[in-house]
Amino acid sequence: MQEFSDFISTTGIVNLDWRQGIMILIGVGFIALAIRKKLEPYELLPIGLGIVAANLPLTGLVDSPSDKSDVQGAGIFGIFFYYGLSFWNILPPIIFLGIGALTDFGPVIANPKTLLLGAAAQVGIFVAFWGALFAGSLGMGFGIEEAASIGIIGGADGPTTIFLSARLAPEILGVTAVIAYSYMASVAFIQPPLMKLFTTKKERQIVMSPPREVSKLERLVFPHVALIAIILLVPKSAPLIAMFMIGNIFRESGVVPRLTKAASNEVLNIATIFLMLTVGTQLTAERVFDFQTLVILGLGLLAFSCGTVGGILFARFMNLFLKEKINPLIGSAGVSAVPMAARISHQIGQEENPHSFLLPHAMGPNVAGVIGSAVIAGVFISLVN
């Protein structure tokens, strides 16, 4: 009987506390959203599975290695985190390689003004950054490293948020990453009310001329110039920008179809599996059940909302000086939730004017937002480290 009692005491059932139970239910909720609603399934499904696995007691799955040469006793997810994010931090740049291989810079090249919209939409990052510093001054425990990690949520770019948080504030990595991906998945709910609030019906009905054709030479030159210019200006952005542009050069060269296919399929898929699972496993009950998490959630929403509004208002400002007006709805796509934000701009434009086709125009600021958030991440790393 004593042996049976001893065995029971070693099971996870009797060691499961209410906080872990709630986190497991949250993980199941993520899984349900991914499967039933098809809401960002490539991110939310593995994140949800990671949350469930990490909050099962006594597994040791998330135990990290004591150092880079000693992995004995470490859990499999702890090893993923240590080598994939904390020590090497290689998974986000690999994701950027795949994204680059999938990206079409044609809309940006055809209309360079959209780069300004992508830059304007990054204002949300700085709003949340200063907000987090202010909260830190009130005793919330946010230093400049945490403020930078929270601020970058405003870019609505999951891999960039993960890259920066792993580098500067790994203790809040799981929270910032999941919030960033949650807001990316919620673009369809968050952005439309803001888009309608900050534009007039007449502005939303503006029809933009089809973008010009972009030559192969332009498509080849752009990523080379961007690679060199951005990294010379912000060297710490190199891991993300270099991989992003290299993936795009694979695509546009047309001479390495197997590399392009591998980068945009197999490599991207494998990296996504490990990255999303690892992010999910960082959401343990001990980390999440903290008032700081609610503050980060609020600051992230503020950042994303300010980024959306910043892009819209800057588009309206640009129209004061432009002969050929741009539809300010495309300014909201300056947050780098690719391609969801661009699709929302197009959908709202179609609702207002069925003759309006904004998708190719909105992809310009959308892609520019990816570059912008990666550059700002490099700036934060340069300032903090």
Protein backbone atom coordinates (compact mmCIF):
# COMPACT_ATOMS: atom_id res chain seq x y z
CA MET A 1 0.00 0.00 0.00
CA GLN A 2 2.87 2.35 0.81
CA GLU A 3 4.42 1.63 -2.60
CA PHE A 4 1.13 2.53 -4.28
CA SER A 5 0.93 5.77 -2.28
CA ASP A 6 4.50 6.62 -3.23
CA PHE A 7 3.72 5.99 -6.88
CA ILE A 8 0.63 8.23 -6.77
CA SER A 9 2.71 11.04 -5.26
CA THR A 10 5.04 10.92 -8.27
CA THR A 11 2.27 11.34 -10.87
CA GLY A 12 1.42 14.61 -12.49
CA ILE A 13 -2.21 14.29 -11.44
CA VAL A 14 -1.61 15.07 -7.78
CA ASN A 15 1.02 17.69 -8.60
CA LEU A 16 -1.15 19.66 -11.03
CA ASP A 17 -2.12 23.01 -9.55
CA TRP A 18 -4.96 25.28 -10.72
CA ARG A 19 -2.66 27.67 -12.58
CA GLN A 20 -1.23 24.87 -14.68
CA GLY A 21 -4.76 23.62 -15.32
CA ILE A 22 -5.80 27.03 -16.64
CA MET A 23 -2.72 27.22 -18.88
CA ILE A 24 -3.51 23.78 -20.31
CA LEU A 25 -7.03 25.00 -21.10
CA ILE A 26 -5.56 28.10 -22.77
CA GLY A 27 -3.31 25.85 -24.84
CA VAL A 28 -6.33 23.77 -25.85
CA GLY A 29 -8.09 27.03 -26.76
CA PHE A 30 -5.22 27.97 -29.10
CA ILE A 31 -5.43 24.52 -30.68
CA ALA A 32 -9.19 24.88 -31.16
CA LEU A 33 -8.80 28.32 -32.79
CA ALA A 34 -6.19 26.91 -35.16
CA ILE A 35 -8.20 23.83 -36.16
CA ARG A 36 -11.82 25.01 -36.03
CA LYS A 37 -11.39 28.66 -37.05
CA LYS A 38 -8.20 28.21 -39.11
CA LEU A 39 -6.86 31.28 -37.29
CA GLU A 40 -3.11 31.50 -37.96
CA PRO A 41 -2.85 27.67 -37.67
CA TYR A 42 0.87 27.50 -38.49
CA GLU A 43 1.57 29.57 -35.40
CA LEU A 44 -1.27 28.95 -32.97
CA LEU A 45 -1.38 25.14 -33.31
CA PRO A 46 2.27 24.46 -32.34
CA ILE A 47 2.18 27.27 -29.74
CA GLY A 48 -0.92 25.70 -28.18
CA LEU A 49 0.67 22.26 -28.15
CA GLY A 50 3.79 23.74 -26.55
CA ILE A 51 1.69 25.41 -23.83
CA VAL A 52 -0.04 22.12 -23.01
CA ALA A 53 3.22 20.13 -22.90
CA ALA A 54 5.09 22.72 -20.82
CA ASN A 55 2.41 22.93 -18.13
CA LEU A 56 2.17 19.22 -17.46
CA PRO A 57 3.93 18.82 -14.09
CA LEU A 58 7.10 16.85 -13.33
CA THR A 59 8.04 16.30 -16.99
CA GLY A 60 11.24 18.34 -17.03
CA LEU A 61 10.54 19.17 -20.68
CA VAL A 62 11.46 22.85 -20.27
CA ASP A 63 14.53 22.42 -18.05
CA SER A 64 17.38 24.35 -19.70
CA PRO A 65 21.01 23.16 -19.96
CA SER A 66 23.30 24.54 -17.25
CA ASP A 67 25.72 25.71 -19.94
CA LYS A 68 26.43 25.20 -23.65
CA SER A 69 28.53 22.08 -23.10
CA ASP A 70 26.29 20.31 -20.58
CA VAL A 71 22.87 19.24 -21.82
CA GLN A 72 22.47 16.21 -19.57
CA GLY A 73 19.33 16.49 -17.51
CA ALA A 74 17.93 19.21 -19.76
CA GLY A 75 14.50 18.77 -21.32
CA ILE A 76 14.00 18.64 -25.07
CA PHE A 77 12.19 22.00 -25.13
CA GLY A 78 14.80 23.50 -22.84
CA ILE A 79 17.44 22.49 -25.39
CA PHE A 80 15.39 24.01 -28.23
CA PHE A 81 15.13 27.26 -26.28
CA TYR A 82 18.78 27.36 -25.24
CA TYR A 83 20.28 26.68 -28.66
CA GLY A 84 17.50 27.95 -30.93
CA LEU A 85 16.85 31.23 -29.14
CA SER A 86 18.89 32.00 -26.04
CA PHE A 87 22.47 30.97 -26.91
CA TRP A 88 22.50 30.94 -30.73
CA ASN A 89 19.17 32.70 -31.48
CA ILE A 90 19.17 31.20 -34.97
CA LEU A 91 15.50 30.33 -35.49
CA PRO A 92 14.13 33.86 -36.20
CA PRO A 93 16.80 34.58 -38.87
CA ILE A 94 16.03 31.24 -40.53
CA ILE A 95 12.34 32.23 -40.57
CA PHE A 96 13.37 35.51 -42.24
CA LEU A 97 15.24 33.56 -44.93
CA GLY A 98 12.00 31.77 -45.81
CA ILE A 99 9.93 34.96 -45.66
CA GLY A 100 12.40 36.66 -47.98
CA ALA A 101 12.06 33.83 -50.48
CA LEU A 102 8.29 34.37 -50.45
CA THR A 103 8.35 38.17 -50.63
CA ASP A 104 7.64 40.25 -53.71
CA PHE A 105 9.28 43.69 -53.48
CA GLY A 106 7.51 44.78 -56.68
CA PRO A 107 4.90 46.98 -54.93
CA VAL A 108 7.62 48.81 -52.96
CA ILE A 109 9.77 49.34 -56.04
CA ALA A 110 6.79 50.48 -58.12
CA ASN A 111 5.75 53.03 -55.49
CA PRO A 112 8.65 53.94 -53.15
CA LYS A 113 6.38 56.29 -51.21
CA THR A 114 4.96 53.22 -49.50
CA LEU A 115 8.27 52.86 -47.65
CA LEU A 116 7.31 56.01 -45.77
CA LEU A 117 3.98 54.48 -44.78
CA GLY A 118 5.78 51.40 -43.47
CA ALA A 119 8.08 53.65 -41.45
CA ALA A 120 5.21 55.75 -40.07
CA ALA A 121 3.41 52.65 -38.84
CA GLN A 122 6.36 51.84 -36.58
CA VAL A 123 5.36 54.72 -34.30
CA GLY A 124 3.48 52.17 -32.20
CA ILE A 125 6.78 50.55 -31.24
CA PHE A 126 8.03 53.75 -29.67
CA VAL A 127 4.72 54.51 -27.95
CA ALA A 128 4.82 51.11 -26.21
CA PHE A 129 8.56 51.47 -25.50
CA TRP A 130 8.07 54.74 -23.62
CA GLY A 131 4.91 53.38 -22.02
CA ALA A 132 6.83 50.37 -20.69
CA LEU A 133 9.60 52.63 -19.36
CA PHE A 134 6.96 54.74 -17.61
CA ALA A 135 5.39 51.59 -16.12
CA GLY A 136 8.88 50.56 -15.00
CA SER A 137 9.31 53.87 -13.19
CA LEU A 138 6.12 53.02 -11.28
CA GLY A 139 7.67 49.82 -10.00
CA MET A 140 6.51 47.34 -12.63
CA GLY A 141 10.01 45.97 -13.08
CA PHE A 142 10.49 46.98 -16.70
CA GLY A 143 13.98 48.15 -17.55
CA ILE A 144 15.14 49.35 -20.95
CA GLU A 145 15.61 45.75 -22.14
CA GLU A 146 12.05 44.76 -21.27
CA ALA A 147 10.71 48.05 -22.68
CA ALA A 148 12.38 47.35 -26.03
CA SER A 149 10.99 43.80 -26.11
CA ILE A 150 7.49 45.03 -25.31
CA GLY A 151 7.69 47.93 -27.77
CA ILE A 152 8.61 45.74 -30.72
CA ILE A 153 5.21 44.01 -30.38
CA GLY A 154 3.85 47.12 -32.10
CA GLY A 155 5.50 46.01 -35.32
CA ALA A 156 3.17 42.97 -35.36
CA ASP A 157 6.10 40.84 -36.49
CA GLY A 158 6.39 37.60 -34.52
CA PRO A 159 9.92 36.50 -35.54
CA THR A 160 11.34 39.98 -34.88
CA THR A 161 9.65 40.10 -31.45
CA ILE A 162 11.10 36.69 -30.62
CA PHE A 163 14.57 37.62 -31.89
CA LEU A 164 14.71 40.82 -29.82
CA SER A 165 13.16 39.36 -26.67
CA ALA A 166 15.50 36.35 -26.72
CA ARG A 167 18.43 38.74 -27.01
CA LEU A 168 17.40 41.36 -24.44
CA ALA A 169 14.71 39.97 -22.12
CA PRO A 170 14.39 36.17 -22.38
CA GLU A 171 12.33 36.02 -19.17
CA ILE A 172 9.37 37.64 -20.99
CA LEU A 173 9.99 35.95 -24.36
CA GLY A 174 6.99 33.61 -24.23
CA VAL A 175 4.59 36.37 -23.23
CA THR A 176 5.79 38.94 -25.81
CA ALA A 177 5.89 36.37 -28.62
CA VAL A 178 2.41 35.01 -28.01
CA ILE A 179 0.97 38.53 -27.64
CA ALA A 180 2.61 39.54 -30.94
CA TYR A 181 1.19 36.51 -32.75
CA SER A 182 -2.18 36.96 -31.07
CA TYR A 183 -2.44 40.51 -32.36
CA MET A 184 -1.28 39.38 -35.80
CA ALA A 185 -4.11 36.86 -35.76
CA SER A 186 -6.54 39.56 -34.58
CA VAL A 187 -5.83 42.03 -37.39
CA ALA A 188 -9.31 41.46 -38.81
CA PHE A 189 -10.89 42.54 -35.51
CA ILE A 190 -8.57 45.32 -34.34
CA GLN A 191 -7.83 47.26 -37.51
CA PRO A 192 -11.20 47.83 -39.28
CA PRO A 193 -12.77 49.99 -36.52
CA LEU A 194 -9.61 52.13 -36.38
CA MET A 195 -9.47 52.40 -40.16
CA LYS A 196 -13.04 53.69 -40.31
CA LEU A 197 -12.61 55.99 -37.33
CA PHE A 198 -9.57 57.80 -38.74
CA THR A 199 -10.65 58.10 -42.39
CA THR A 200 -13.62 59.67 -44.14
CA LYS A 201 -15.93 57.73 -46.44
CA LYS A 202 -14.65 59.78 -49.37
CA GLU A 203 -11.04 58.86 -48.55
CA ARG A 204 -11.90 55.19 -48.28
CA GLN A 205 -13.44 55.30 -51.75
CA ILE A 206 -10.27 56.58 -53.48
CA VAL A 207 -9.36 54.38 -56.44
CA MET A 208 -5.63 54.03 -57.02
CA SER A 209 -4.13 53.44 -60.47
CA PRO A 210 -2.63 50.00 -61.08
CA PRO A 211 1.08 49.95 -60.12
CA ARG A 212 3.59 50.03 -62.94
CA GLU A 213 5.42 46.95 -64.16
CA VAL A 214 8.70 46.37 -62.36
CA SER A 215 11.64 45.03 -64.37
CA LYS A 216 13.71 42.00 -63.41
CA LEU A 217 16.78 44.23 -63.05
CA GLU A 218 14.97 46.42 -60.51
CA ARG A 219 13.87 43.35 -58.58
CA LEU A 220 17.47 42.12 -58.45
CA VAL A 221 19.05 45.45 -57.57
CA PHE A 222 16.64 46.39 -54.76
CA PRO A 223 17.47 43.61 -52.26
CA HIS A 224 21.22 44.02 -52.89
CA VAL A 225 21.07 47.77 -52.25
CA ALA A 226 18.80 47.29 -49.21
CA LEU A 227 21.10 44.60 -47.80
CA ILE A 228 24.20 46.78 -48.00
CA ALA A 229 22.62 50.12 -47.06
CA ILE A 230 20.59 48.92 -44.07
CA ILE A 231 23.36 46.83 -42.54
CA LEU A 232 25.91 49.62 -42.98
CA LEU A 233 23.50 51.97 -41.20
CA VAL A 234 22.31 49.54 -38.49
CA PRO A 235 24.82 46.66 -38.20
CA LYS A 236 22.90 44.93 -35.39
CA SER A 237 19.97 44.36 -37.75
CA ALA A 238 22.19 42.12 -39.90
CA PRO A 239 20.93 38.68 -38.71
CA LEU A 240 17.36 39.47 -39.81
CA ILE A 241 17.95 41.82 -42.74
CA ALA A 242 20.73 39.73 -44.29
CA MET A 243 18.69 36.53 -44.22
CA PHE A 244 15.58 38.34 -45.48
CA MET A 245 17.38 39.86 -48.46
CA ILE A 246 19.34 36.69 -49.24
CA GLY A 247 16.08 34.72 -49.42
CA ASN A 248 14.64 37.35 -51.76
CA ILE A 249 17.75 37.32 -53.99
CA PHE A 250 17.35 33.52 -54.28
CA ARG A 251 13.81 34.13 -55.51
CA GLU A 252 14.50 36.98 -57.92
CA SER A 253 17.67 35.52 -59.45
CA GLY A 254 15.67 32.71 -61.04
CA VAL A 255 18.78 30.52 -61.20
CA VAL A 256 18.42 28.61 -57.92
CA PRO A 257 14.82 27.33 -57.92
CA ARG A 258 15.71 24.43 -55.62
CA LEU A 259 17.21 26.79 -53.02
CA THR A 260 14.22 29.09 -53.28
CA LYS A 261 11.83 26.17 -52.88
CA ALA A 262 13.79 24.77 -49.93
CA ALA A 263 14.01 28.16 -48.17
CA SER A 264 10.31 28.93 -48.63
CA ASN A 265 9.05 25.41 -47.87
CA GLU A 266 11.15 22.81 -46.08
CA VAL A 267 13.52 25.14 -44.20
CA LEU A 268 10.75 27.60 -43.27
CA ASN A 269 8.43 24.81 -42.15
CA ILE A 270 11.05 23.09 -40.00
CA ALA A 271 12.08 26.37 -38.37
CA THR A 272 8.43 27.25 -37.76
CA ILE A 273 7.82 23.95 -35.97
CA PHE A 274 10.75 24.41 -33.58
CA LEU A 275 10.21 28.13 -33.09
CA MET A 276 6.48 27.97 -32.35
CA LEU A 277 6.76 24.93 -30.08
CA THR A 278 9.59 26.61 -28.17
CA VAL A 279 7.61 29.83 -27.78
CA GLY A 280 4.62 27.90 -26.46
CA THR A 281 6.73 26.07 -23.89
CA GLN A 282 7.89 29.39 -22.44
CA LEU A 283 4.31 30.11 -21.36
CA THR A 284 4.45 28.26 -18.07
CA ALA A 285 2.02 29.09 -15.29
CA GLU A 286 4.78 30.67 -13.20
CA ARG A 287 5.55 33.18 -15.96
CA VAL A 288 2.02 33.97 -17.09
CA PHE A 289 0.23 34.44 -13.78
CA ASP A 290 1.81 37.76 -13.05
CA PHE A 291 0.41 41.29 -13.18
CA GLN A 292 3.26 42.18 -15.54
CA THR A 293 1.68 39.95 -18.19
CA LEU A 294 -1.54 42.00 -18.18
CA VAL A 295 0.47 45.21 -18.49
CA ILE A 296 2.41 43.77 -21.44
CA LEU A 297 -0.87 42.70 -23.05
CA GLY A 298 -2.24 46.24 -22.73
CA LEU A 299 0.95 47.88 -23.98
CA GLY A 300 1.06 45.49 -26.94
CA LEU A 301 -2.50 46.41 -27.92
CA LEU A 302 -1.63 50.10 -27.56
CA ALA A 303 1.44 49.64 -29.76
CA PHE A 304 -0.43 47.75 -32.47
CA SER A 305 -3.28 50.27 -32.48
CA CYS A 306 -0.91 53.26 -32.62
CA GLY A 307 1.01 51.64 -35.48
CA THR A 308 -2.21 51.19 -37.44
CA VAL A 309 -3.33 54.76 -36.81
CA GLY A 310 0.15 56.16 -37.49
CA GLY A 311 0.22 54.66 -40.98
CA ILE A 312 -3.29 55.94 -41.77
CA LEU A 313 -2.63 59.49 -40.54
CA PHE A 314 0.67 59.70 -42.40
CA ALA A 315 -1.08 58.63 -45.62
CA ARG A 316 -3.60 61.44 -45.09
CA PHE A 317 -0.73 63.86 -44.48
CA MET A 318 0.98 62.75 -47.69
CA ASN A 319 -2.24 63.40 -49.63
CA LEU A 320 -1.92 67.10 -48.78
CA PHE A 321 1.07 67.25 -51.15
CA LEU A 322 0.26 64.60 -53.77
CA LYS A 323 -1.50 65.18 -57.07
CA GLU A 324 -2.48 61.54 -57.39
CA LYS A 325 -4.03 60.74 -54.02
CA ILE A 326 -3.40 57.49 -52.21
CA ASN A 327 -6.11 55.65 -50.33
CA PRO A 328 -5.18 56.09 -46.64
CA LEU A 329 -6.48 52.59 -45.88
CA ILE A 330 -3.19 51.20 -47.19
CA GLY A 331 -1.38 53.06 -44.40
CA SER A 332 -2.76 50.58 -41.86
CA ALA A 333 -0.86 47.82 -43.69
CA GLY A 334 2.41 49.42 -42.54
CA VAL A 335 2.37 47.10 -39.53
CA SER A 336 4.27 44.04 -40.66
CA ALA A 337 1.52 41.44 -40.26
CA VAL A 338 2.11 40.04 -43.75
CA PRO A 339 -0.13 39.59 -45.69
CA MET A 340 -3.10 39.86 -43.30
CA ALA A 341 -2.92 43.64 -42.85
CA ALA A 342 -2.76 44.19 -46.63
CA ARG A 343 -5.78 41.95 -47.14
CA ILE A 344 -7.79 43.91 -44.57
CA SER A 345 -6.93 47.19 -46.32
CA HIS A 346 -8.16 45.67 -49.58
CA GLN A 347 -11.35 44.26 -48.03
CA ILE A 348 -12.36 47.55 -46.38
CA GLY A 349 -11.63 49.38 -49.64
CA GLN A 350 -13.82 46.95 -51.56
CA GLU A 351 -16.66 47.42 -49.09
CA GLU A 352 -16.57 51.18 -49.71
CA ASN A 353 -15.94 51.01 -53.46
CA PRO A 354 -16.20 47.73 -55.42
CA HIS A 355 -14.03 49.28 -58.17
CA SER A 356 -11.13 49.78 -55.76
CA PHE A 357 -8.37 47.16 -55.81
CA LEU A 358 -5.93 48.02 -53.02
CA LEU A 359 -4.11 44.73 -52.44
CA PRO A 360 -1.02 45.39 -54.62
CA HIS A 361 -0.76 48.91 -53.19
CA ALA A 362 -1.16 47.74 -49.58
CA MET A 363 1.56 45.11 -50.00
CA GLY A 364 4.07 47.95 -50.38
CA PRO A 365 3.75 49.35 -46.84
CA ASN A 366 3.17 45.83 -45.54
CA VAL A 367 6.56 44.63 -46.79
CA ALA A 368 8.14 47.94 -45.76
CA GLY A 369 6.84 47.30 -42.25
CA VAL A 370 8.77 44.01 -42.08
CA ILE A 371 11.96 45.85 -42.95
CA GLY A 372 11.14 48.71 -40.58
CA SER A 373 10.52 46.55 -37.52
CA ALA A 374 13.71 44.55 -38.15
CA VAL A 375 15.72 47.78 -38.42
CA ILE A 376 14.25 49.13 -35.19
CA ALA A 377 15.09 45.84 -33.47
CA GLY A 378 18.70 46.36 -34.58
CA VAL A 379 18.62 49.92 -33.24
CA PHE A 380 17.33 48.72 -29.85
CA ILE A 381 20.05 46.07 -29.65
CA SER A 382 22.69 48.69 -30.53
CA LEU A 383 21.45 51.07 -27.85
CA VAL A 384 21.02 48.50 -25.09
CA ASN A 385 24.03 46.21 -25.61
